Amino acid sequence: MQILHRGVTGYDAEGMYTRNYTKVLLVVITRDQTSILRQIVSSIDKKAFMYCKKRPVVIYYRGC
């Protein structure tokens, strides 16, 4: 995420149907960065699933 100057949070996840373990990545970006992120993700994993939400409320508490 050095290209977008954003941090990424990774979660361990398990598919409830398949029981396959995977990693879920979470990043908060601006609308202008959406197409760049899609290109980056697509170049790494053509089958990646992306979820985008308009105007999420992001509250940051340091040390919680």
PDB file of N, CA and C in Angstrom:
ATOM      1  N   MET A   1       0.818  -1.190   0.000  1.00  0.00           N
ATOM      2  CA  MET A   1       0.000   0.000   0.000  1.00  0.00           C
ATOM      3  C   MET A   1       0.863   1.256   0.000  1.00  0.00           C
ATOM      4  N   GLN A   2       2.125   1.074  -0.306  1.00  0.00           N
ATOM      5  CA  GLN A   2       3.030   2.219  -0.376  1.00  0.00           C
ATOM      6  C   GLN A   2       2.621   3.178  -1.484  1.00  0.00           C
ATOM      7  N   ILE A   3       2.024   2.658  -2.547  1.00  0.00           N
ATOM      8  CA  ILE A   3       1.595   3.503  -3.667  1.00  0.00           C
ATOM      9  C   ILE A   3       0.524   4.486  -3.206  1.00  0.00           C
ATOM     10  N   LEU A   4      -0.415   4.022  -2.386  1.00  0.00           N
ATOM     11  CA  LEU A   4      -1.519   4.860  -1.925  1.00  0.00           C
ATOM     12  C   LEU A   4      -1.232   5.550  -0.596  1.00  0.00           C
ATOM     13  N   HIS A   5      -0.093   5.235   0.022  1.00  0.00           N
ATOM     14  CA  HIS A   5       0.272   5.792   1.327  1.00  0.00           C
ATOM     15  C   HIS A   5      -0.818   5.500   2.363  1.00  0.00           C
ATOM     16  N   ARG A   6      -1.228   4.232   2.426  1.00  0.00           N
ATOM     17  CA  ARG A   6      -2.265   3.790   3.355  1.00  0.00           C
ATOM     18  C   ARG A   6      -1.782   2.577   4.125  1.00  0.00           C
ATOM     19  N   GLY A   7      -2.263   2.432   5.328  1.00  0.00           N
ATOM     20  CA  GLY A   7      -1.997   1.236   6.116  1.00  0.00           C
ATOM     21  C   GLY A   7      -3.044   0.176   5.806  1.00  0.00           C
ATOM     22  N   VAL A   8      -2.716  -1.061   6.073  1.00  0.00           N
ATOM     23  CA  VAL A   8      -3.630  -2.176   5.831  1.00  0.00           C
ATOM     24  C   VAL A   8      -3.694  -3.017   7.102  1.00  0.00           C
ATOM     25  N   THR A   9      -4.911  -3.406   7.484  1.00  0.00           N
ATOM     26  CA  THR A   9      -5.104  -4.297   8.624  1.00  0.00           C
ATOM     27  C   THR A   9      -5.482  -5.670   8.089  1.00  0.00           C
ATOM     28  N   GLY A  10      -4.836  -6.709   8.592  1.00  0.00           N
ATOM     29  CA  GLY A  10      -5.129  -8.076   8.164  1.00  0.00           C
ATOM     30  C   GLY A  10      -5.819  -8.859   9.264  1.00  0.00           C
ATOM     31  N   TYR A  11      -6.850  -9.600   8.886  1.00  0.00           N
ATOM     32  CA  TYR A  11      -7.590 -10.454   9.817  1.00  0.00           C
ATOM     33  C   TYR A  11      -7.517 -11.899   9.348  1.00  0.00           C
ATOM     34  N   ASP A  12      -7.371 -12.823  10.268  1.00  0.00           N
ATOM     35  CA  ASP A  12      -7.515 -14.235   9.937  1.00  0.00           C
ATOM     36  C   ASP A  12      -9.009 -14.524   9.866  1.00  0.00           C
ATOM     37  N   ALA A  13      -9.426 -15.247   8.837  1.00  0.00           N
ATOM     38  CA  ALA A  13     -10.852 -15.527   8.656  1.00  0.00           C
ATOM     39  C   ALA A  13     -11.059 -16.971   8.228  1.00  0.00           C
ATOM     40  N   GLU A  14     -12.255 -17.472   8.494  1.00  0.00           N
ATOM     41  CA  GLU A  14     -12.637 -18.823   8.090  1.00  0.00           C
ATOM     42  C   GLU A  14     -13.954 -18.744   7.334  1.00  0.00           C
ATOM     43  N   GLY A  15     -13.993 -19.348   6.150  1.00  0.00           N
ATOM     44  CA  GLY A  15     -15.239 -19.405   5.403  1.00  0.00           C
ATOM     45  C   GLY A  15     -16.238 -20.300   6.121  1.00  0.00           C
ATOM     46  N   MET A  16     -17.421 -19.820   6.365  1.00  0.00           N
ATOM     47  CA  MET A  16     -18.422 -20.598   7.094  1.00  0.00           C
ATOM     48  C   MET A  16     -18.977 -21.744   6.264  1.00  0.00           C
ATOM     49  N   TYR A  17     -18.963 -21.609   4.964  1.00  0.00           N
ATOM     50  CA  TYR A  17     -19.443 -22.683   4.102  1.00  0.00           C
ATOM     51  C   TYR A  17     -18.333 -23.679   3.791  1.00  0.00           C
ATOM     52  N   THR A  18     -17.178 -23.172   3.360  1.00  0.00           N
ATOM     53  CA  THR A  18     -16.076 -24.049   2.920  1.00  0.00           C
ATOM     54  C   THR A  18     -15.158 -24.486   4.056  1.00  0.00           C
ATOM     55  N   ARG A  19     -15.164 -23.721   5.142  1.00  0.00           N
ATOM     56  CA  ARG A  19     -14.247 -23.943   6.269  1.00  0.00           C
ATOM     57  C   ARG A  19     -12.791 -23.685   5.884  1.00  0.00           C
ATOM     58  N   ASN A  20     -12.577 -23.024   4.751  1.00  0.00           N
ATOM     59  CA  ASN A  20     -11.231 -22.665   4.324  1.00  0.00           C
ATOM     60  C   ASN A  20     -10.760 -21.434   5.092  1.00  0.00           C
ATOM     61  N   TYR A  21      -9.500 -21.442   5.492  1.00  0.00           N
ATOM     62  CA  TYR A  21      -8.920 -20.306   6.184  1.00  0.00           C
ATOM     63  C   TYR A  21      -8.284 -19.372   5.172  1.00  0.00           C
ATOM     64  N   THR A  22      -8.407 -18.087   5.435  1.00  0.00           N
ATOM     65  CA  THR A  22      -7.856 -17.082   4.538  1.00  0.00           C
ATOM     66  C   THR A  22      -7.527 -15.834   5.332  1.00  0.00           C
ATOM     67  N   LYS A  23      -6.990 -14.850   4.686  1.00  0.00           N
ATOM     68  CA  LYS A  23      -6.669 -13.565   5.298  1.00  0.00           C
ATOM     69  C   LYS A  23      -7.580 -12.518   4.667  1.00  0.00           C
ATOM     70  N   VAL A  24      -8.194 -11.682   5.507  1.00  0.00           N
ATOM     71  CA  VAL A  24      -9.025 -10.571   5.038  1.00  0.00           C
ATOM     72  C   VAL A  24      -8.230  -9.299   5.273  1.00  0.00           C
ATOM     73  N   LEU A  25      -8.134  -8.464   4.253  1.00  0.00           N
ATOM     74  CA  LEU A  25      -7.399  -7.210   4.368  1.00  0.00           C
ATOM     75  C   LEU A  25      -8.377  -6.046   4.360  1.00  0.00           C
ATOM     76  N   LEU A  26      -8.146  -5.075   5.227  1.00  0.00           N
ATOM     77  CA  LEU A  26      -9.019  -3.907   5.352  1.00  0.00           C
ATOM     78  C   LEU A  26      -8.185  -2.651   5.152  1.00  0.00           C
ATOM     79  N   VAL A  27      -8.648  -1.788   4.265  1.00  0.00           N
ATOM     80  CA  VAL A  27      -7.974  -0.510   4.029  1.00  0.00           C
ATOM     81  C   VAL A  27      -9.037   0.558   3.814  1.00  0.00           C
ATOM     82  N   VAL A  28      -8.794   1.742   4.340  1.00  0.00           N
ATOM     83  CA  VAL A  28      -9.686   2.873   4.135  1.00  0.00           C
ATOM     84  C   VAL A  28      -9.007   3.815   3.152  1.00  0.00           C
ATOM     85  N   ILE A  29      -9.712   4.112   2.055  1.00  0.00           N
ATOM     86  CA  ILE A  29      -9.147   4.958   1.003  1.00  0.00           C
ATOM     87  C   ILE A  29     -10.157   6.033   0.616  1.00  0.00           C
ATOM     88  N   THR A  30      -9.699   7.001  -0.147  1.00  0.00           N
ATOM     89  CA  THR A  30     -10.592   8.021  -0.687  1.00  0.00           C
ATOM     90  C   THR A  30     -11.217   7.499  -1.972  1.00  0.00           C
ATOM     91  N   ARG A  31     -12.266   8.150  -2.402  1.00  0.00           N
ATOM     92  CA  ARG A  31     -12.932   7.767  -3.652  1.00  0.00           C
ATOM     93  C   ARG A  31     -11.960   7.833  -4.840  1.00  0.00           C
ATOM     94  N   ASP A  32     -11.095   8.828  -4.824  1.00  0.00           N
ATOM     95  CA  ASP A  32     -10.135   8.996  -5.921  1.00  0.00           C
ATOM     96  C   ASP A  32      -9.140   7.839  -6.010  1.00  0.00           C
ATOM     97  N   GLN A  33      -8.934   7.119  -4.927  1.00  0.00           N
ATOM     98  CA  GLN A  33      -7.966   6.026  -4.904  1.00  0.00           C
ATOM     99  C   GLN A  33      -8.583   4.672  -5.270  1.00  0.00           C
ATOM    100  N   THR A  34      -9.894   4.628  -5.470  1.00  0.00           N
ATOM    101  CA  THR A  34     -10.590   3.365  -5.722  1.00  0.00           C
ATOM    102  C   THR A  34     -10.068   2.647  -6.956  1.00  0.00           C
ATOM    103  N   SER A  35      -9.940   3.343  -8.062  1.00  0.00           N
ATOM    104  CA  SER A  35      -9.497   2.674  -9.298  1.00  0.00           C
ATOM    105  C   SER A  35      -8.060   2.180  -9.184  1.00  0.00           C
ATOM    106  N   ILE A  36      -7.218   2.934  -8.482  1.00  0.00           N
ATOM    107  CA  ILE A  36      -5.833   2.494  -8.293  1.00  0.00           C
ATOM    108  C   ILE A  36      -5.800   1.220  -7.459  1.00  0.00           C
ATOM    109  N   LEU A  37      -6.599   1.174  -6.385  1.00  0.00           N
ATOM    110  CA  LEU A  37      -6.642  -0.023  -5.536  1.00  0.00           C
ATOM    111  C   LEU A  37      -7.155  -1.226  -6.326  1.00  0.00           C
ATOM    112  N   ARG A  38      -8.176  -1.026  -7.151  1.00  0.00           N
ATOM    113  CA  ARG A  38      -8.690  -2.124  -7.981  1.00  0.00           C
ATOM    114  C   ARG A  38      -7.610  -2.678  -8.904  1.00  0.00           C
ATOM    115  N   GLN A  39      -6.828  -1.801  -9.490  1.00  0.00           N
ATOM    116  CA  GLN A  39      -5.733  -2.244 -10.367  1.00  0.00           C
ATOM    117  C   GLN A  39      -4.691  -3.030  -9.586  1.00  0.00           C
ATOM    118  N   ILE A  40      -4.347  -2.554  -8.400  1.00  0.00           N
ATOM    119  CA  ILE A  40      -3.347  -3.240  -7.574  1.00  0.00           C
ATOM    120  C   ILE A  40      -3.842  -4.627  -7.188  1.00  0.00           C
ATOM    121  N   VAL A  41      -5.074  -4.703  -6.679  1.00  0.00           N
ATOM    122  CA  VAL A  41      -5.630  -5.979  -6.236  1.00  0.00           C
ATOM    123  C   VAL A  41      -5.755  -6.941  -7.411  1.00  0.00           C
ATOM    124  N   SER A  42      -6.259  -6.460  -8.540  1.00  0.00           N
ATOM    125  CA  SER A  42      -6.430  -7.304  -9.723  1.00  0.00           C
ATOM    126  C   SER A  42      -5.099  -7.851 -10.232  1.00  0.00           C
ATOM    127  N   SER A  43      -4.052  -7.073 -10.126  1.00  0.00           N
ATOM    128  CA  SER A  43      -2.742  -7.536 -10.600  1.00  0.00           C
ATOM    129  C   SER A  43      -2.186  -8.641  -9.704  1.00  0.00           C
ATOM    130  N   ILE A  44      -2.643  -8.698  -8.447  1.00  0.00           N
ATOM    131  CA  ILE A  44      -2.170  -9.703  -7.502  1.00  0.00           C
ATOM    132  C   ILE A  44      -3.072 -10.930  -7.490  1.00  0.00           C
ATOM    133  N   ASP A  45      -4.397 -10.714  -7.515  1.00  0.00           N
ATOM    134  CA  ASP A  45      -5.359 -11.815  -7.407  1.00  0.00           C
ATOM    135  C   ASP A  45      -6.595 -11.498  -8.243  1.00  0.00           C
ATOM    136  N   LYS A  46      -6.703 -12.144  -9.386  1.00  0.00           N
ATOM    137  CA  LYS A  46      -7.830 -11.911 -10.308  1.00  0.00           C
ATOM    138  C   LYS A  46      -9.171 -12.314  -9.701  1.00  0.00           C
ATOM    139  N   LYS A  47      -9.180 -13.199  -8.704  1.00  0.00           N
ATOM    140  CA  LYS A  47     -10.422 -13.681  -8.102  1.00  0.00           C
ATOM    141  C   LYS A  47     -10.729 -12.998  -6.767  1.00  0.00           C
ATOM    142  N   ALA A  48     -10.010 -11.948  -6.444  1.00  0.00           N
ATOM    143  CA  ALA A  48     -10.200 -11.270  -5.164  1.00  0.00           C
ATOM    144  C   ALA A  48     -11.589 -10.647  -5.083  1.00  0.00           C
ATOM    145  N   PHE A  49     -12.144 -10.655  -3.880  1.00  0.00           N
ATOM    146  CA  PHE A  49     -13.437 -10.053  -3.603  1.00  0.00           C
ATOM    147  C   PHE A  49     -13.185  -8.717  -2.922  1.00  0.00           C
ATOM    148  N   MET A  50     -13.798  -7.663  -3.447  1.00  0.00           N
ATOM    149  CA  MET A  50     -13.652  -6.337  -2.848  1.00  0.00           C
ATOM    150  C   MET A  50     -15.021  -5.819  -2.437  1.00  0.00           C
ATOM    151  N   TYR A  51     -15.083  -5.231  -1.261  1.00  0.00           N
ATOM    152  CA  TYR A  51     -16.311  -4.630  -0.744  1.00  0.00           C
ATOM    153  C   TYR A  51     -16.035  -3.149  -0.532  1.00  0.00           C
ATOM    154  N   CYS A  52     -16.830  -2.310  -1.153  1.00  0.00           N
ATOM    155  CA  CYS A  52     -16.657  -0.865  -1.022  1.00  0.00           C
ATOM    156  C   CYS A  52     -17.913  -0.254  -0.420  1.00  0.00           C
ATOM    157  N   LYS A  53     -17.720   0.662   0.505  1.00  0.00           N
ATOM    158  CA  LYS A  53     -18.848   1.326   1.153  1.00  0.00           C
ATOM    159  C   LYS A  53     -18.639   2.832   1.073  1.00  0.00           C
ATOM    160  N   LYS A  54     -19.693   3.522   0.702  1.00  0.00           N
ATOM    161  CA  LYS A  54     -19.630   4.973   0.631  1.00  0.00           C
ATOM    162  C   LYS A  54     -19.689   5.579   2.030  1.00  0.00           C
ATOM    163  N   ARG A  55     -18.878   6.568   2.228  1.00  0.00           N
ATOM    164  CA  ARG A  55     -18.889   7.380   3.438  1.00  0.00           C
ATOM    165  C   ARG A  55     -18.950   6.614   4.753  1.00  0.00           C
ATOM    166  N   PRO A  56     -18.038   5.694   4.971  1.00  0.00           N
ATOM    167  CA  PRO A  56     -18.042   5.033   6.280  1.00  0.00           C
ATOM    168  C   PRO A  56     -17.567   6.014   7.348  1.00  0.00           C
ATOM    169  N   VAL A  57     -17.997   5.800   8.545  1.00  0.00           N
ATOM    170  CA  VAL A  57     -17.528   6.616   9.664  1.00  0.00           C
ATOM    171  C   VAL A  57     -16.307   5.920  10.241  1.00  0.00           C
ATOM    172  N   VAL A  58     -15.198   6.594  10.223  1.00  0.00           N
ATOM    173  CA  VAL A  58     -13.948   6.029  10.733  1.00  0.00           C
ATOM    174  C   VAL A  58     -13.537   6.837  11.952  1.00  0.00           C
ATOM    175  N   ILE A  59     -13.452   6.170  13.087  1.00  0.00           N
ATOM    176  CA  ILE A  59     -13.041   6.822  14.334  1.00  0.00           C
ATOM    177  C   ILE A  59     -11.765   6.120  14.791  1.00  0.00           C
ATOM    178  N   TYR A  60     -10.759   6.864  15.076  1.00  0.00           N
ATOM    179  CA  TYR A  60      -9.466   6.296  15.454  1.00  0.00           C
ATOM    180  C   TYR A  60      -9.173   6.627  16.905  1.00  0.00           C
ATOM    181  N   TYR A  61      -9.013   5.614  17.711  1.00  0.00           N
ATOM    182  CA  TYR A  61      -8.612   5.781  19.099  1.00  0.00           C
ATOM    183  C   TYR A  61      -7.248   5.135  19.287  1.00  0.00           C
ATOM    184  N   ARG A  62      -6.276   5.905  19.629  1.00  0.00           N
ATOM    185  CA  ARG A  62      -4.941   5.350  19.831  1.00  0.00           C
ATOM    186  C   ARG A  62      -4.865   4.700  21.206  1.00  0.00           C
ATOM    187  N   GLY A  63      -4.422   3.440  21.230  1.00  0.00           N
ATOM    188  CA  GLY A  63      -4.200   2.759  22.489  1.00  0.00           C
ATOM    189  C   GLY A  63      -5.403   2.092  23.117  1.00  0.00           C
ATOM    190  N   CYS A  64      -6.464   1.902  22.371  1.00  0.00           N
ATOM    191  CA  CYS A  64      -7.644   1.231  22.938  1.00  0.00           C
ATOM    192  C   CYS A  64      -7.457  -0.263  22.987  1.00  0.00           C
TER     193      CYS A  64
END
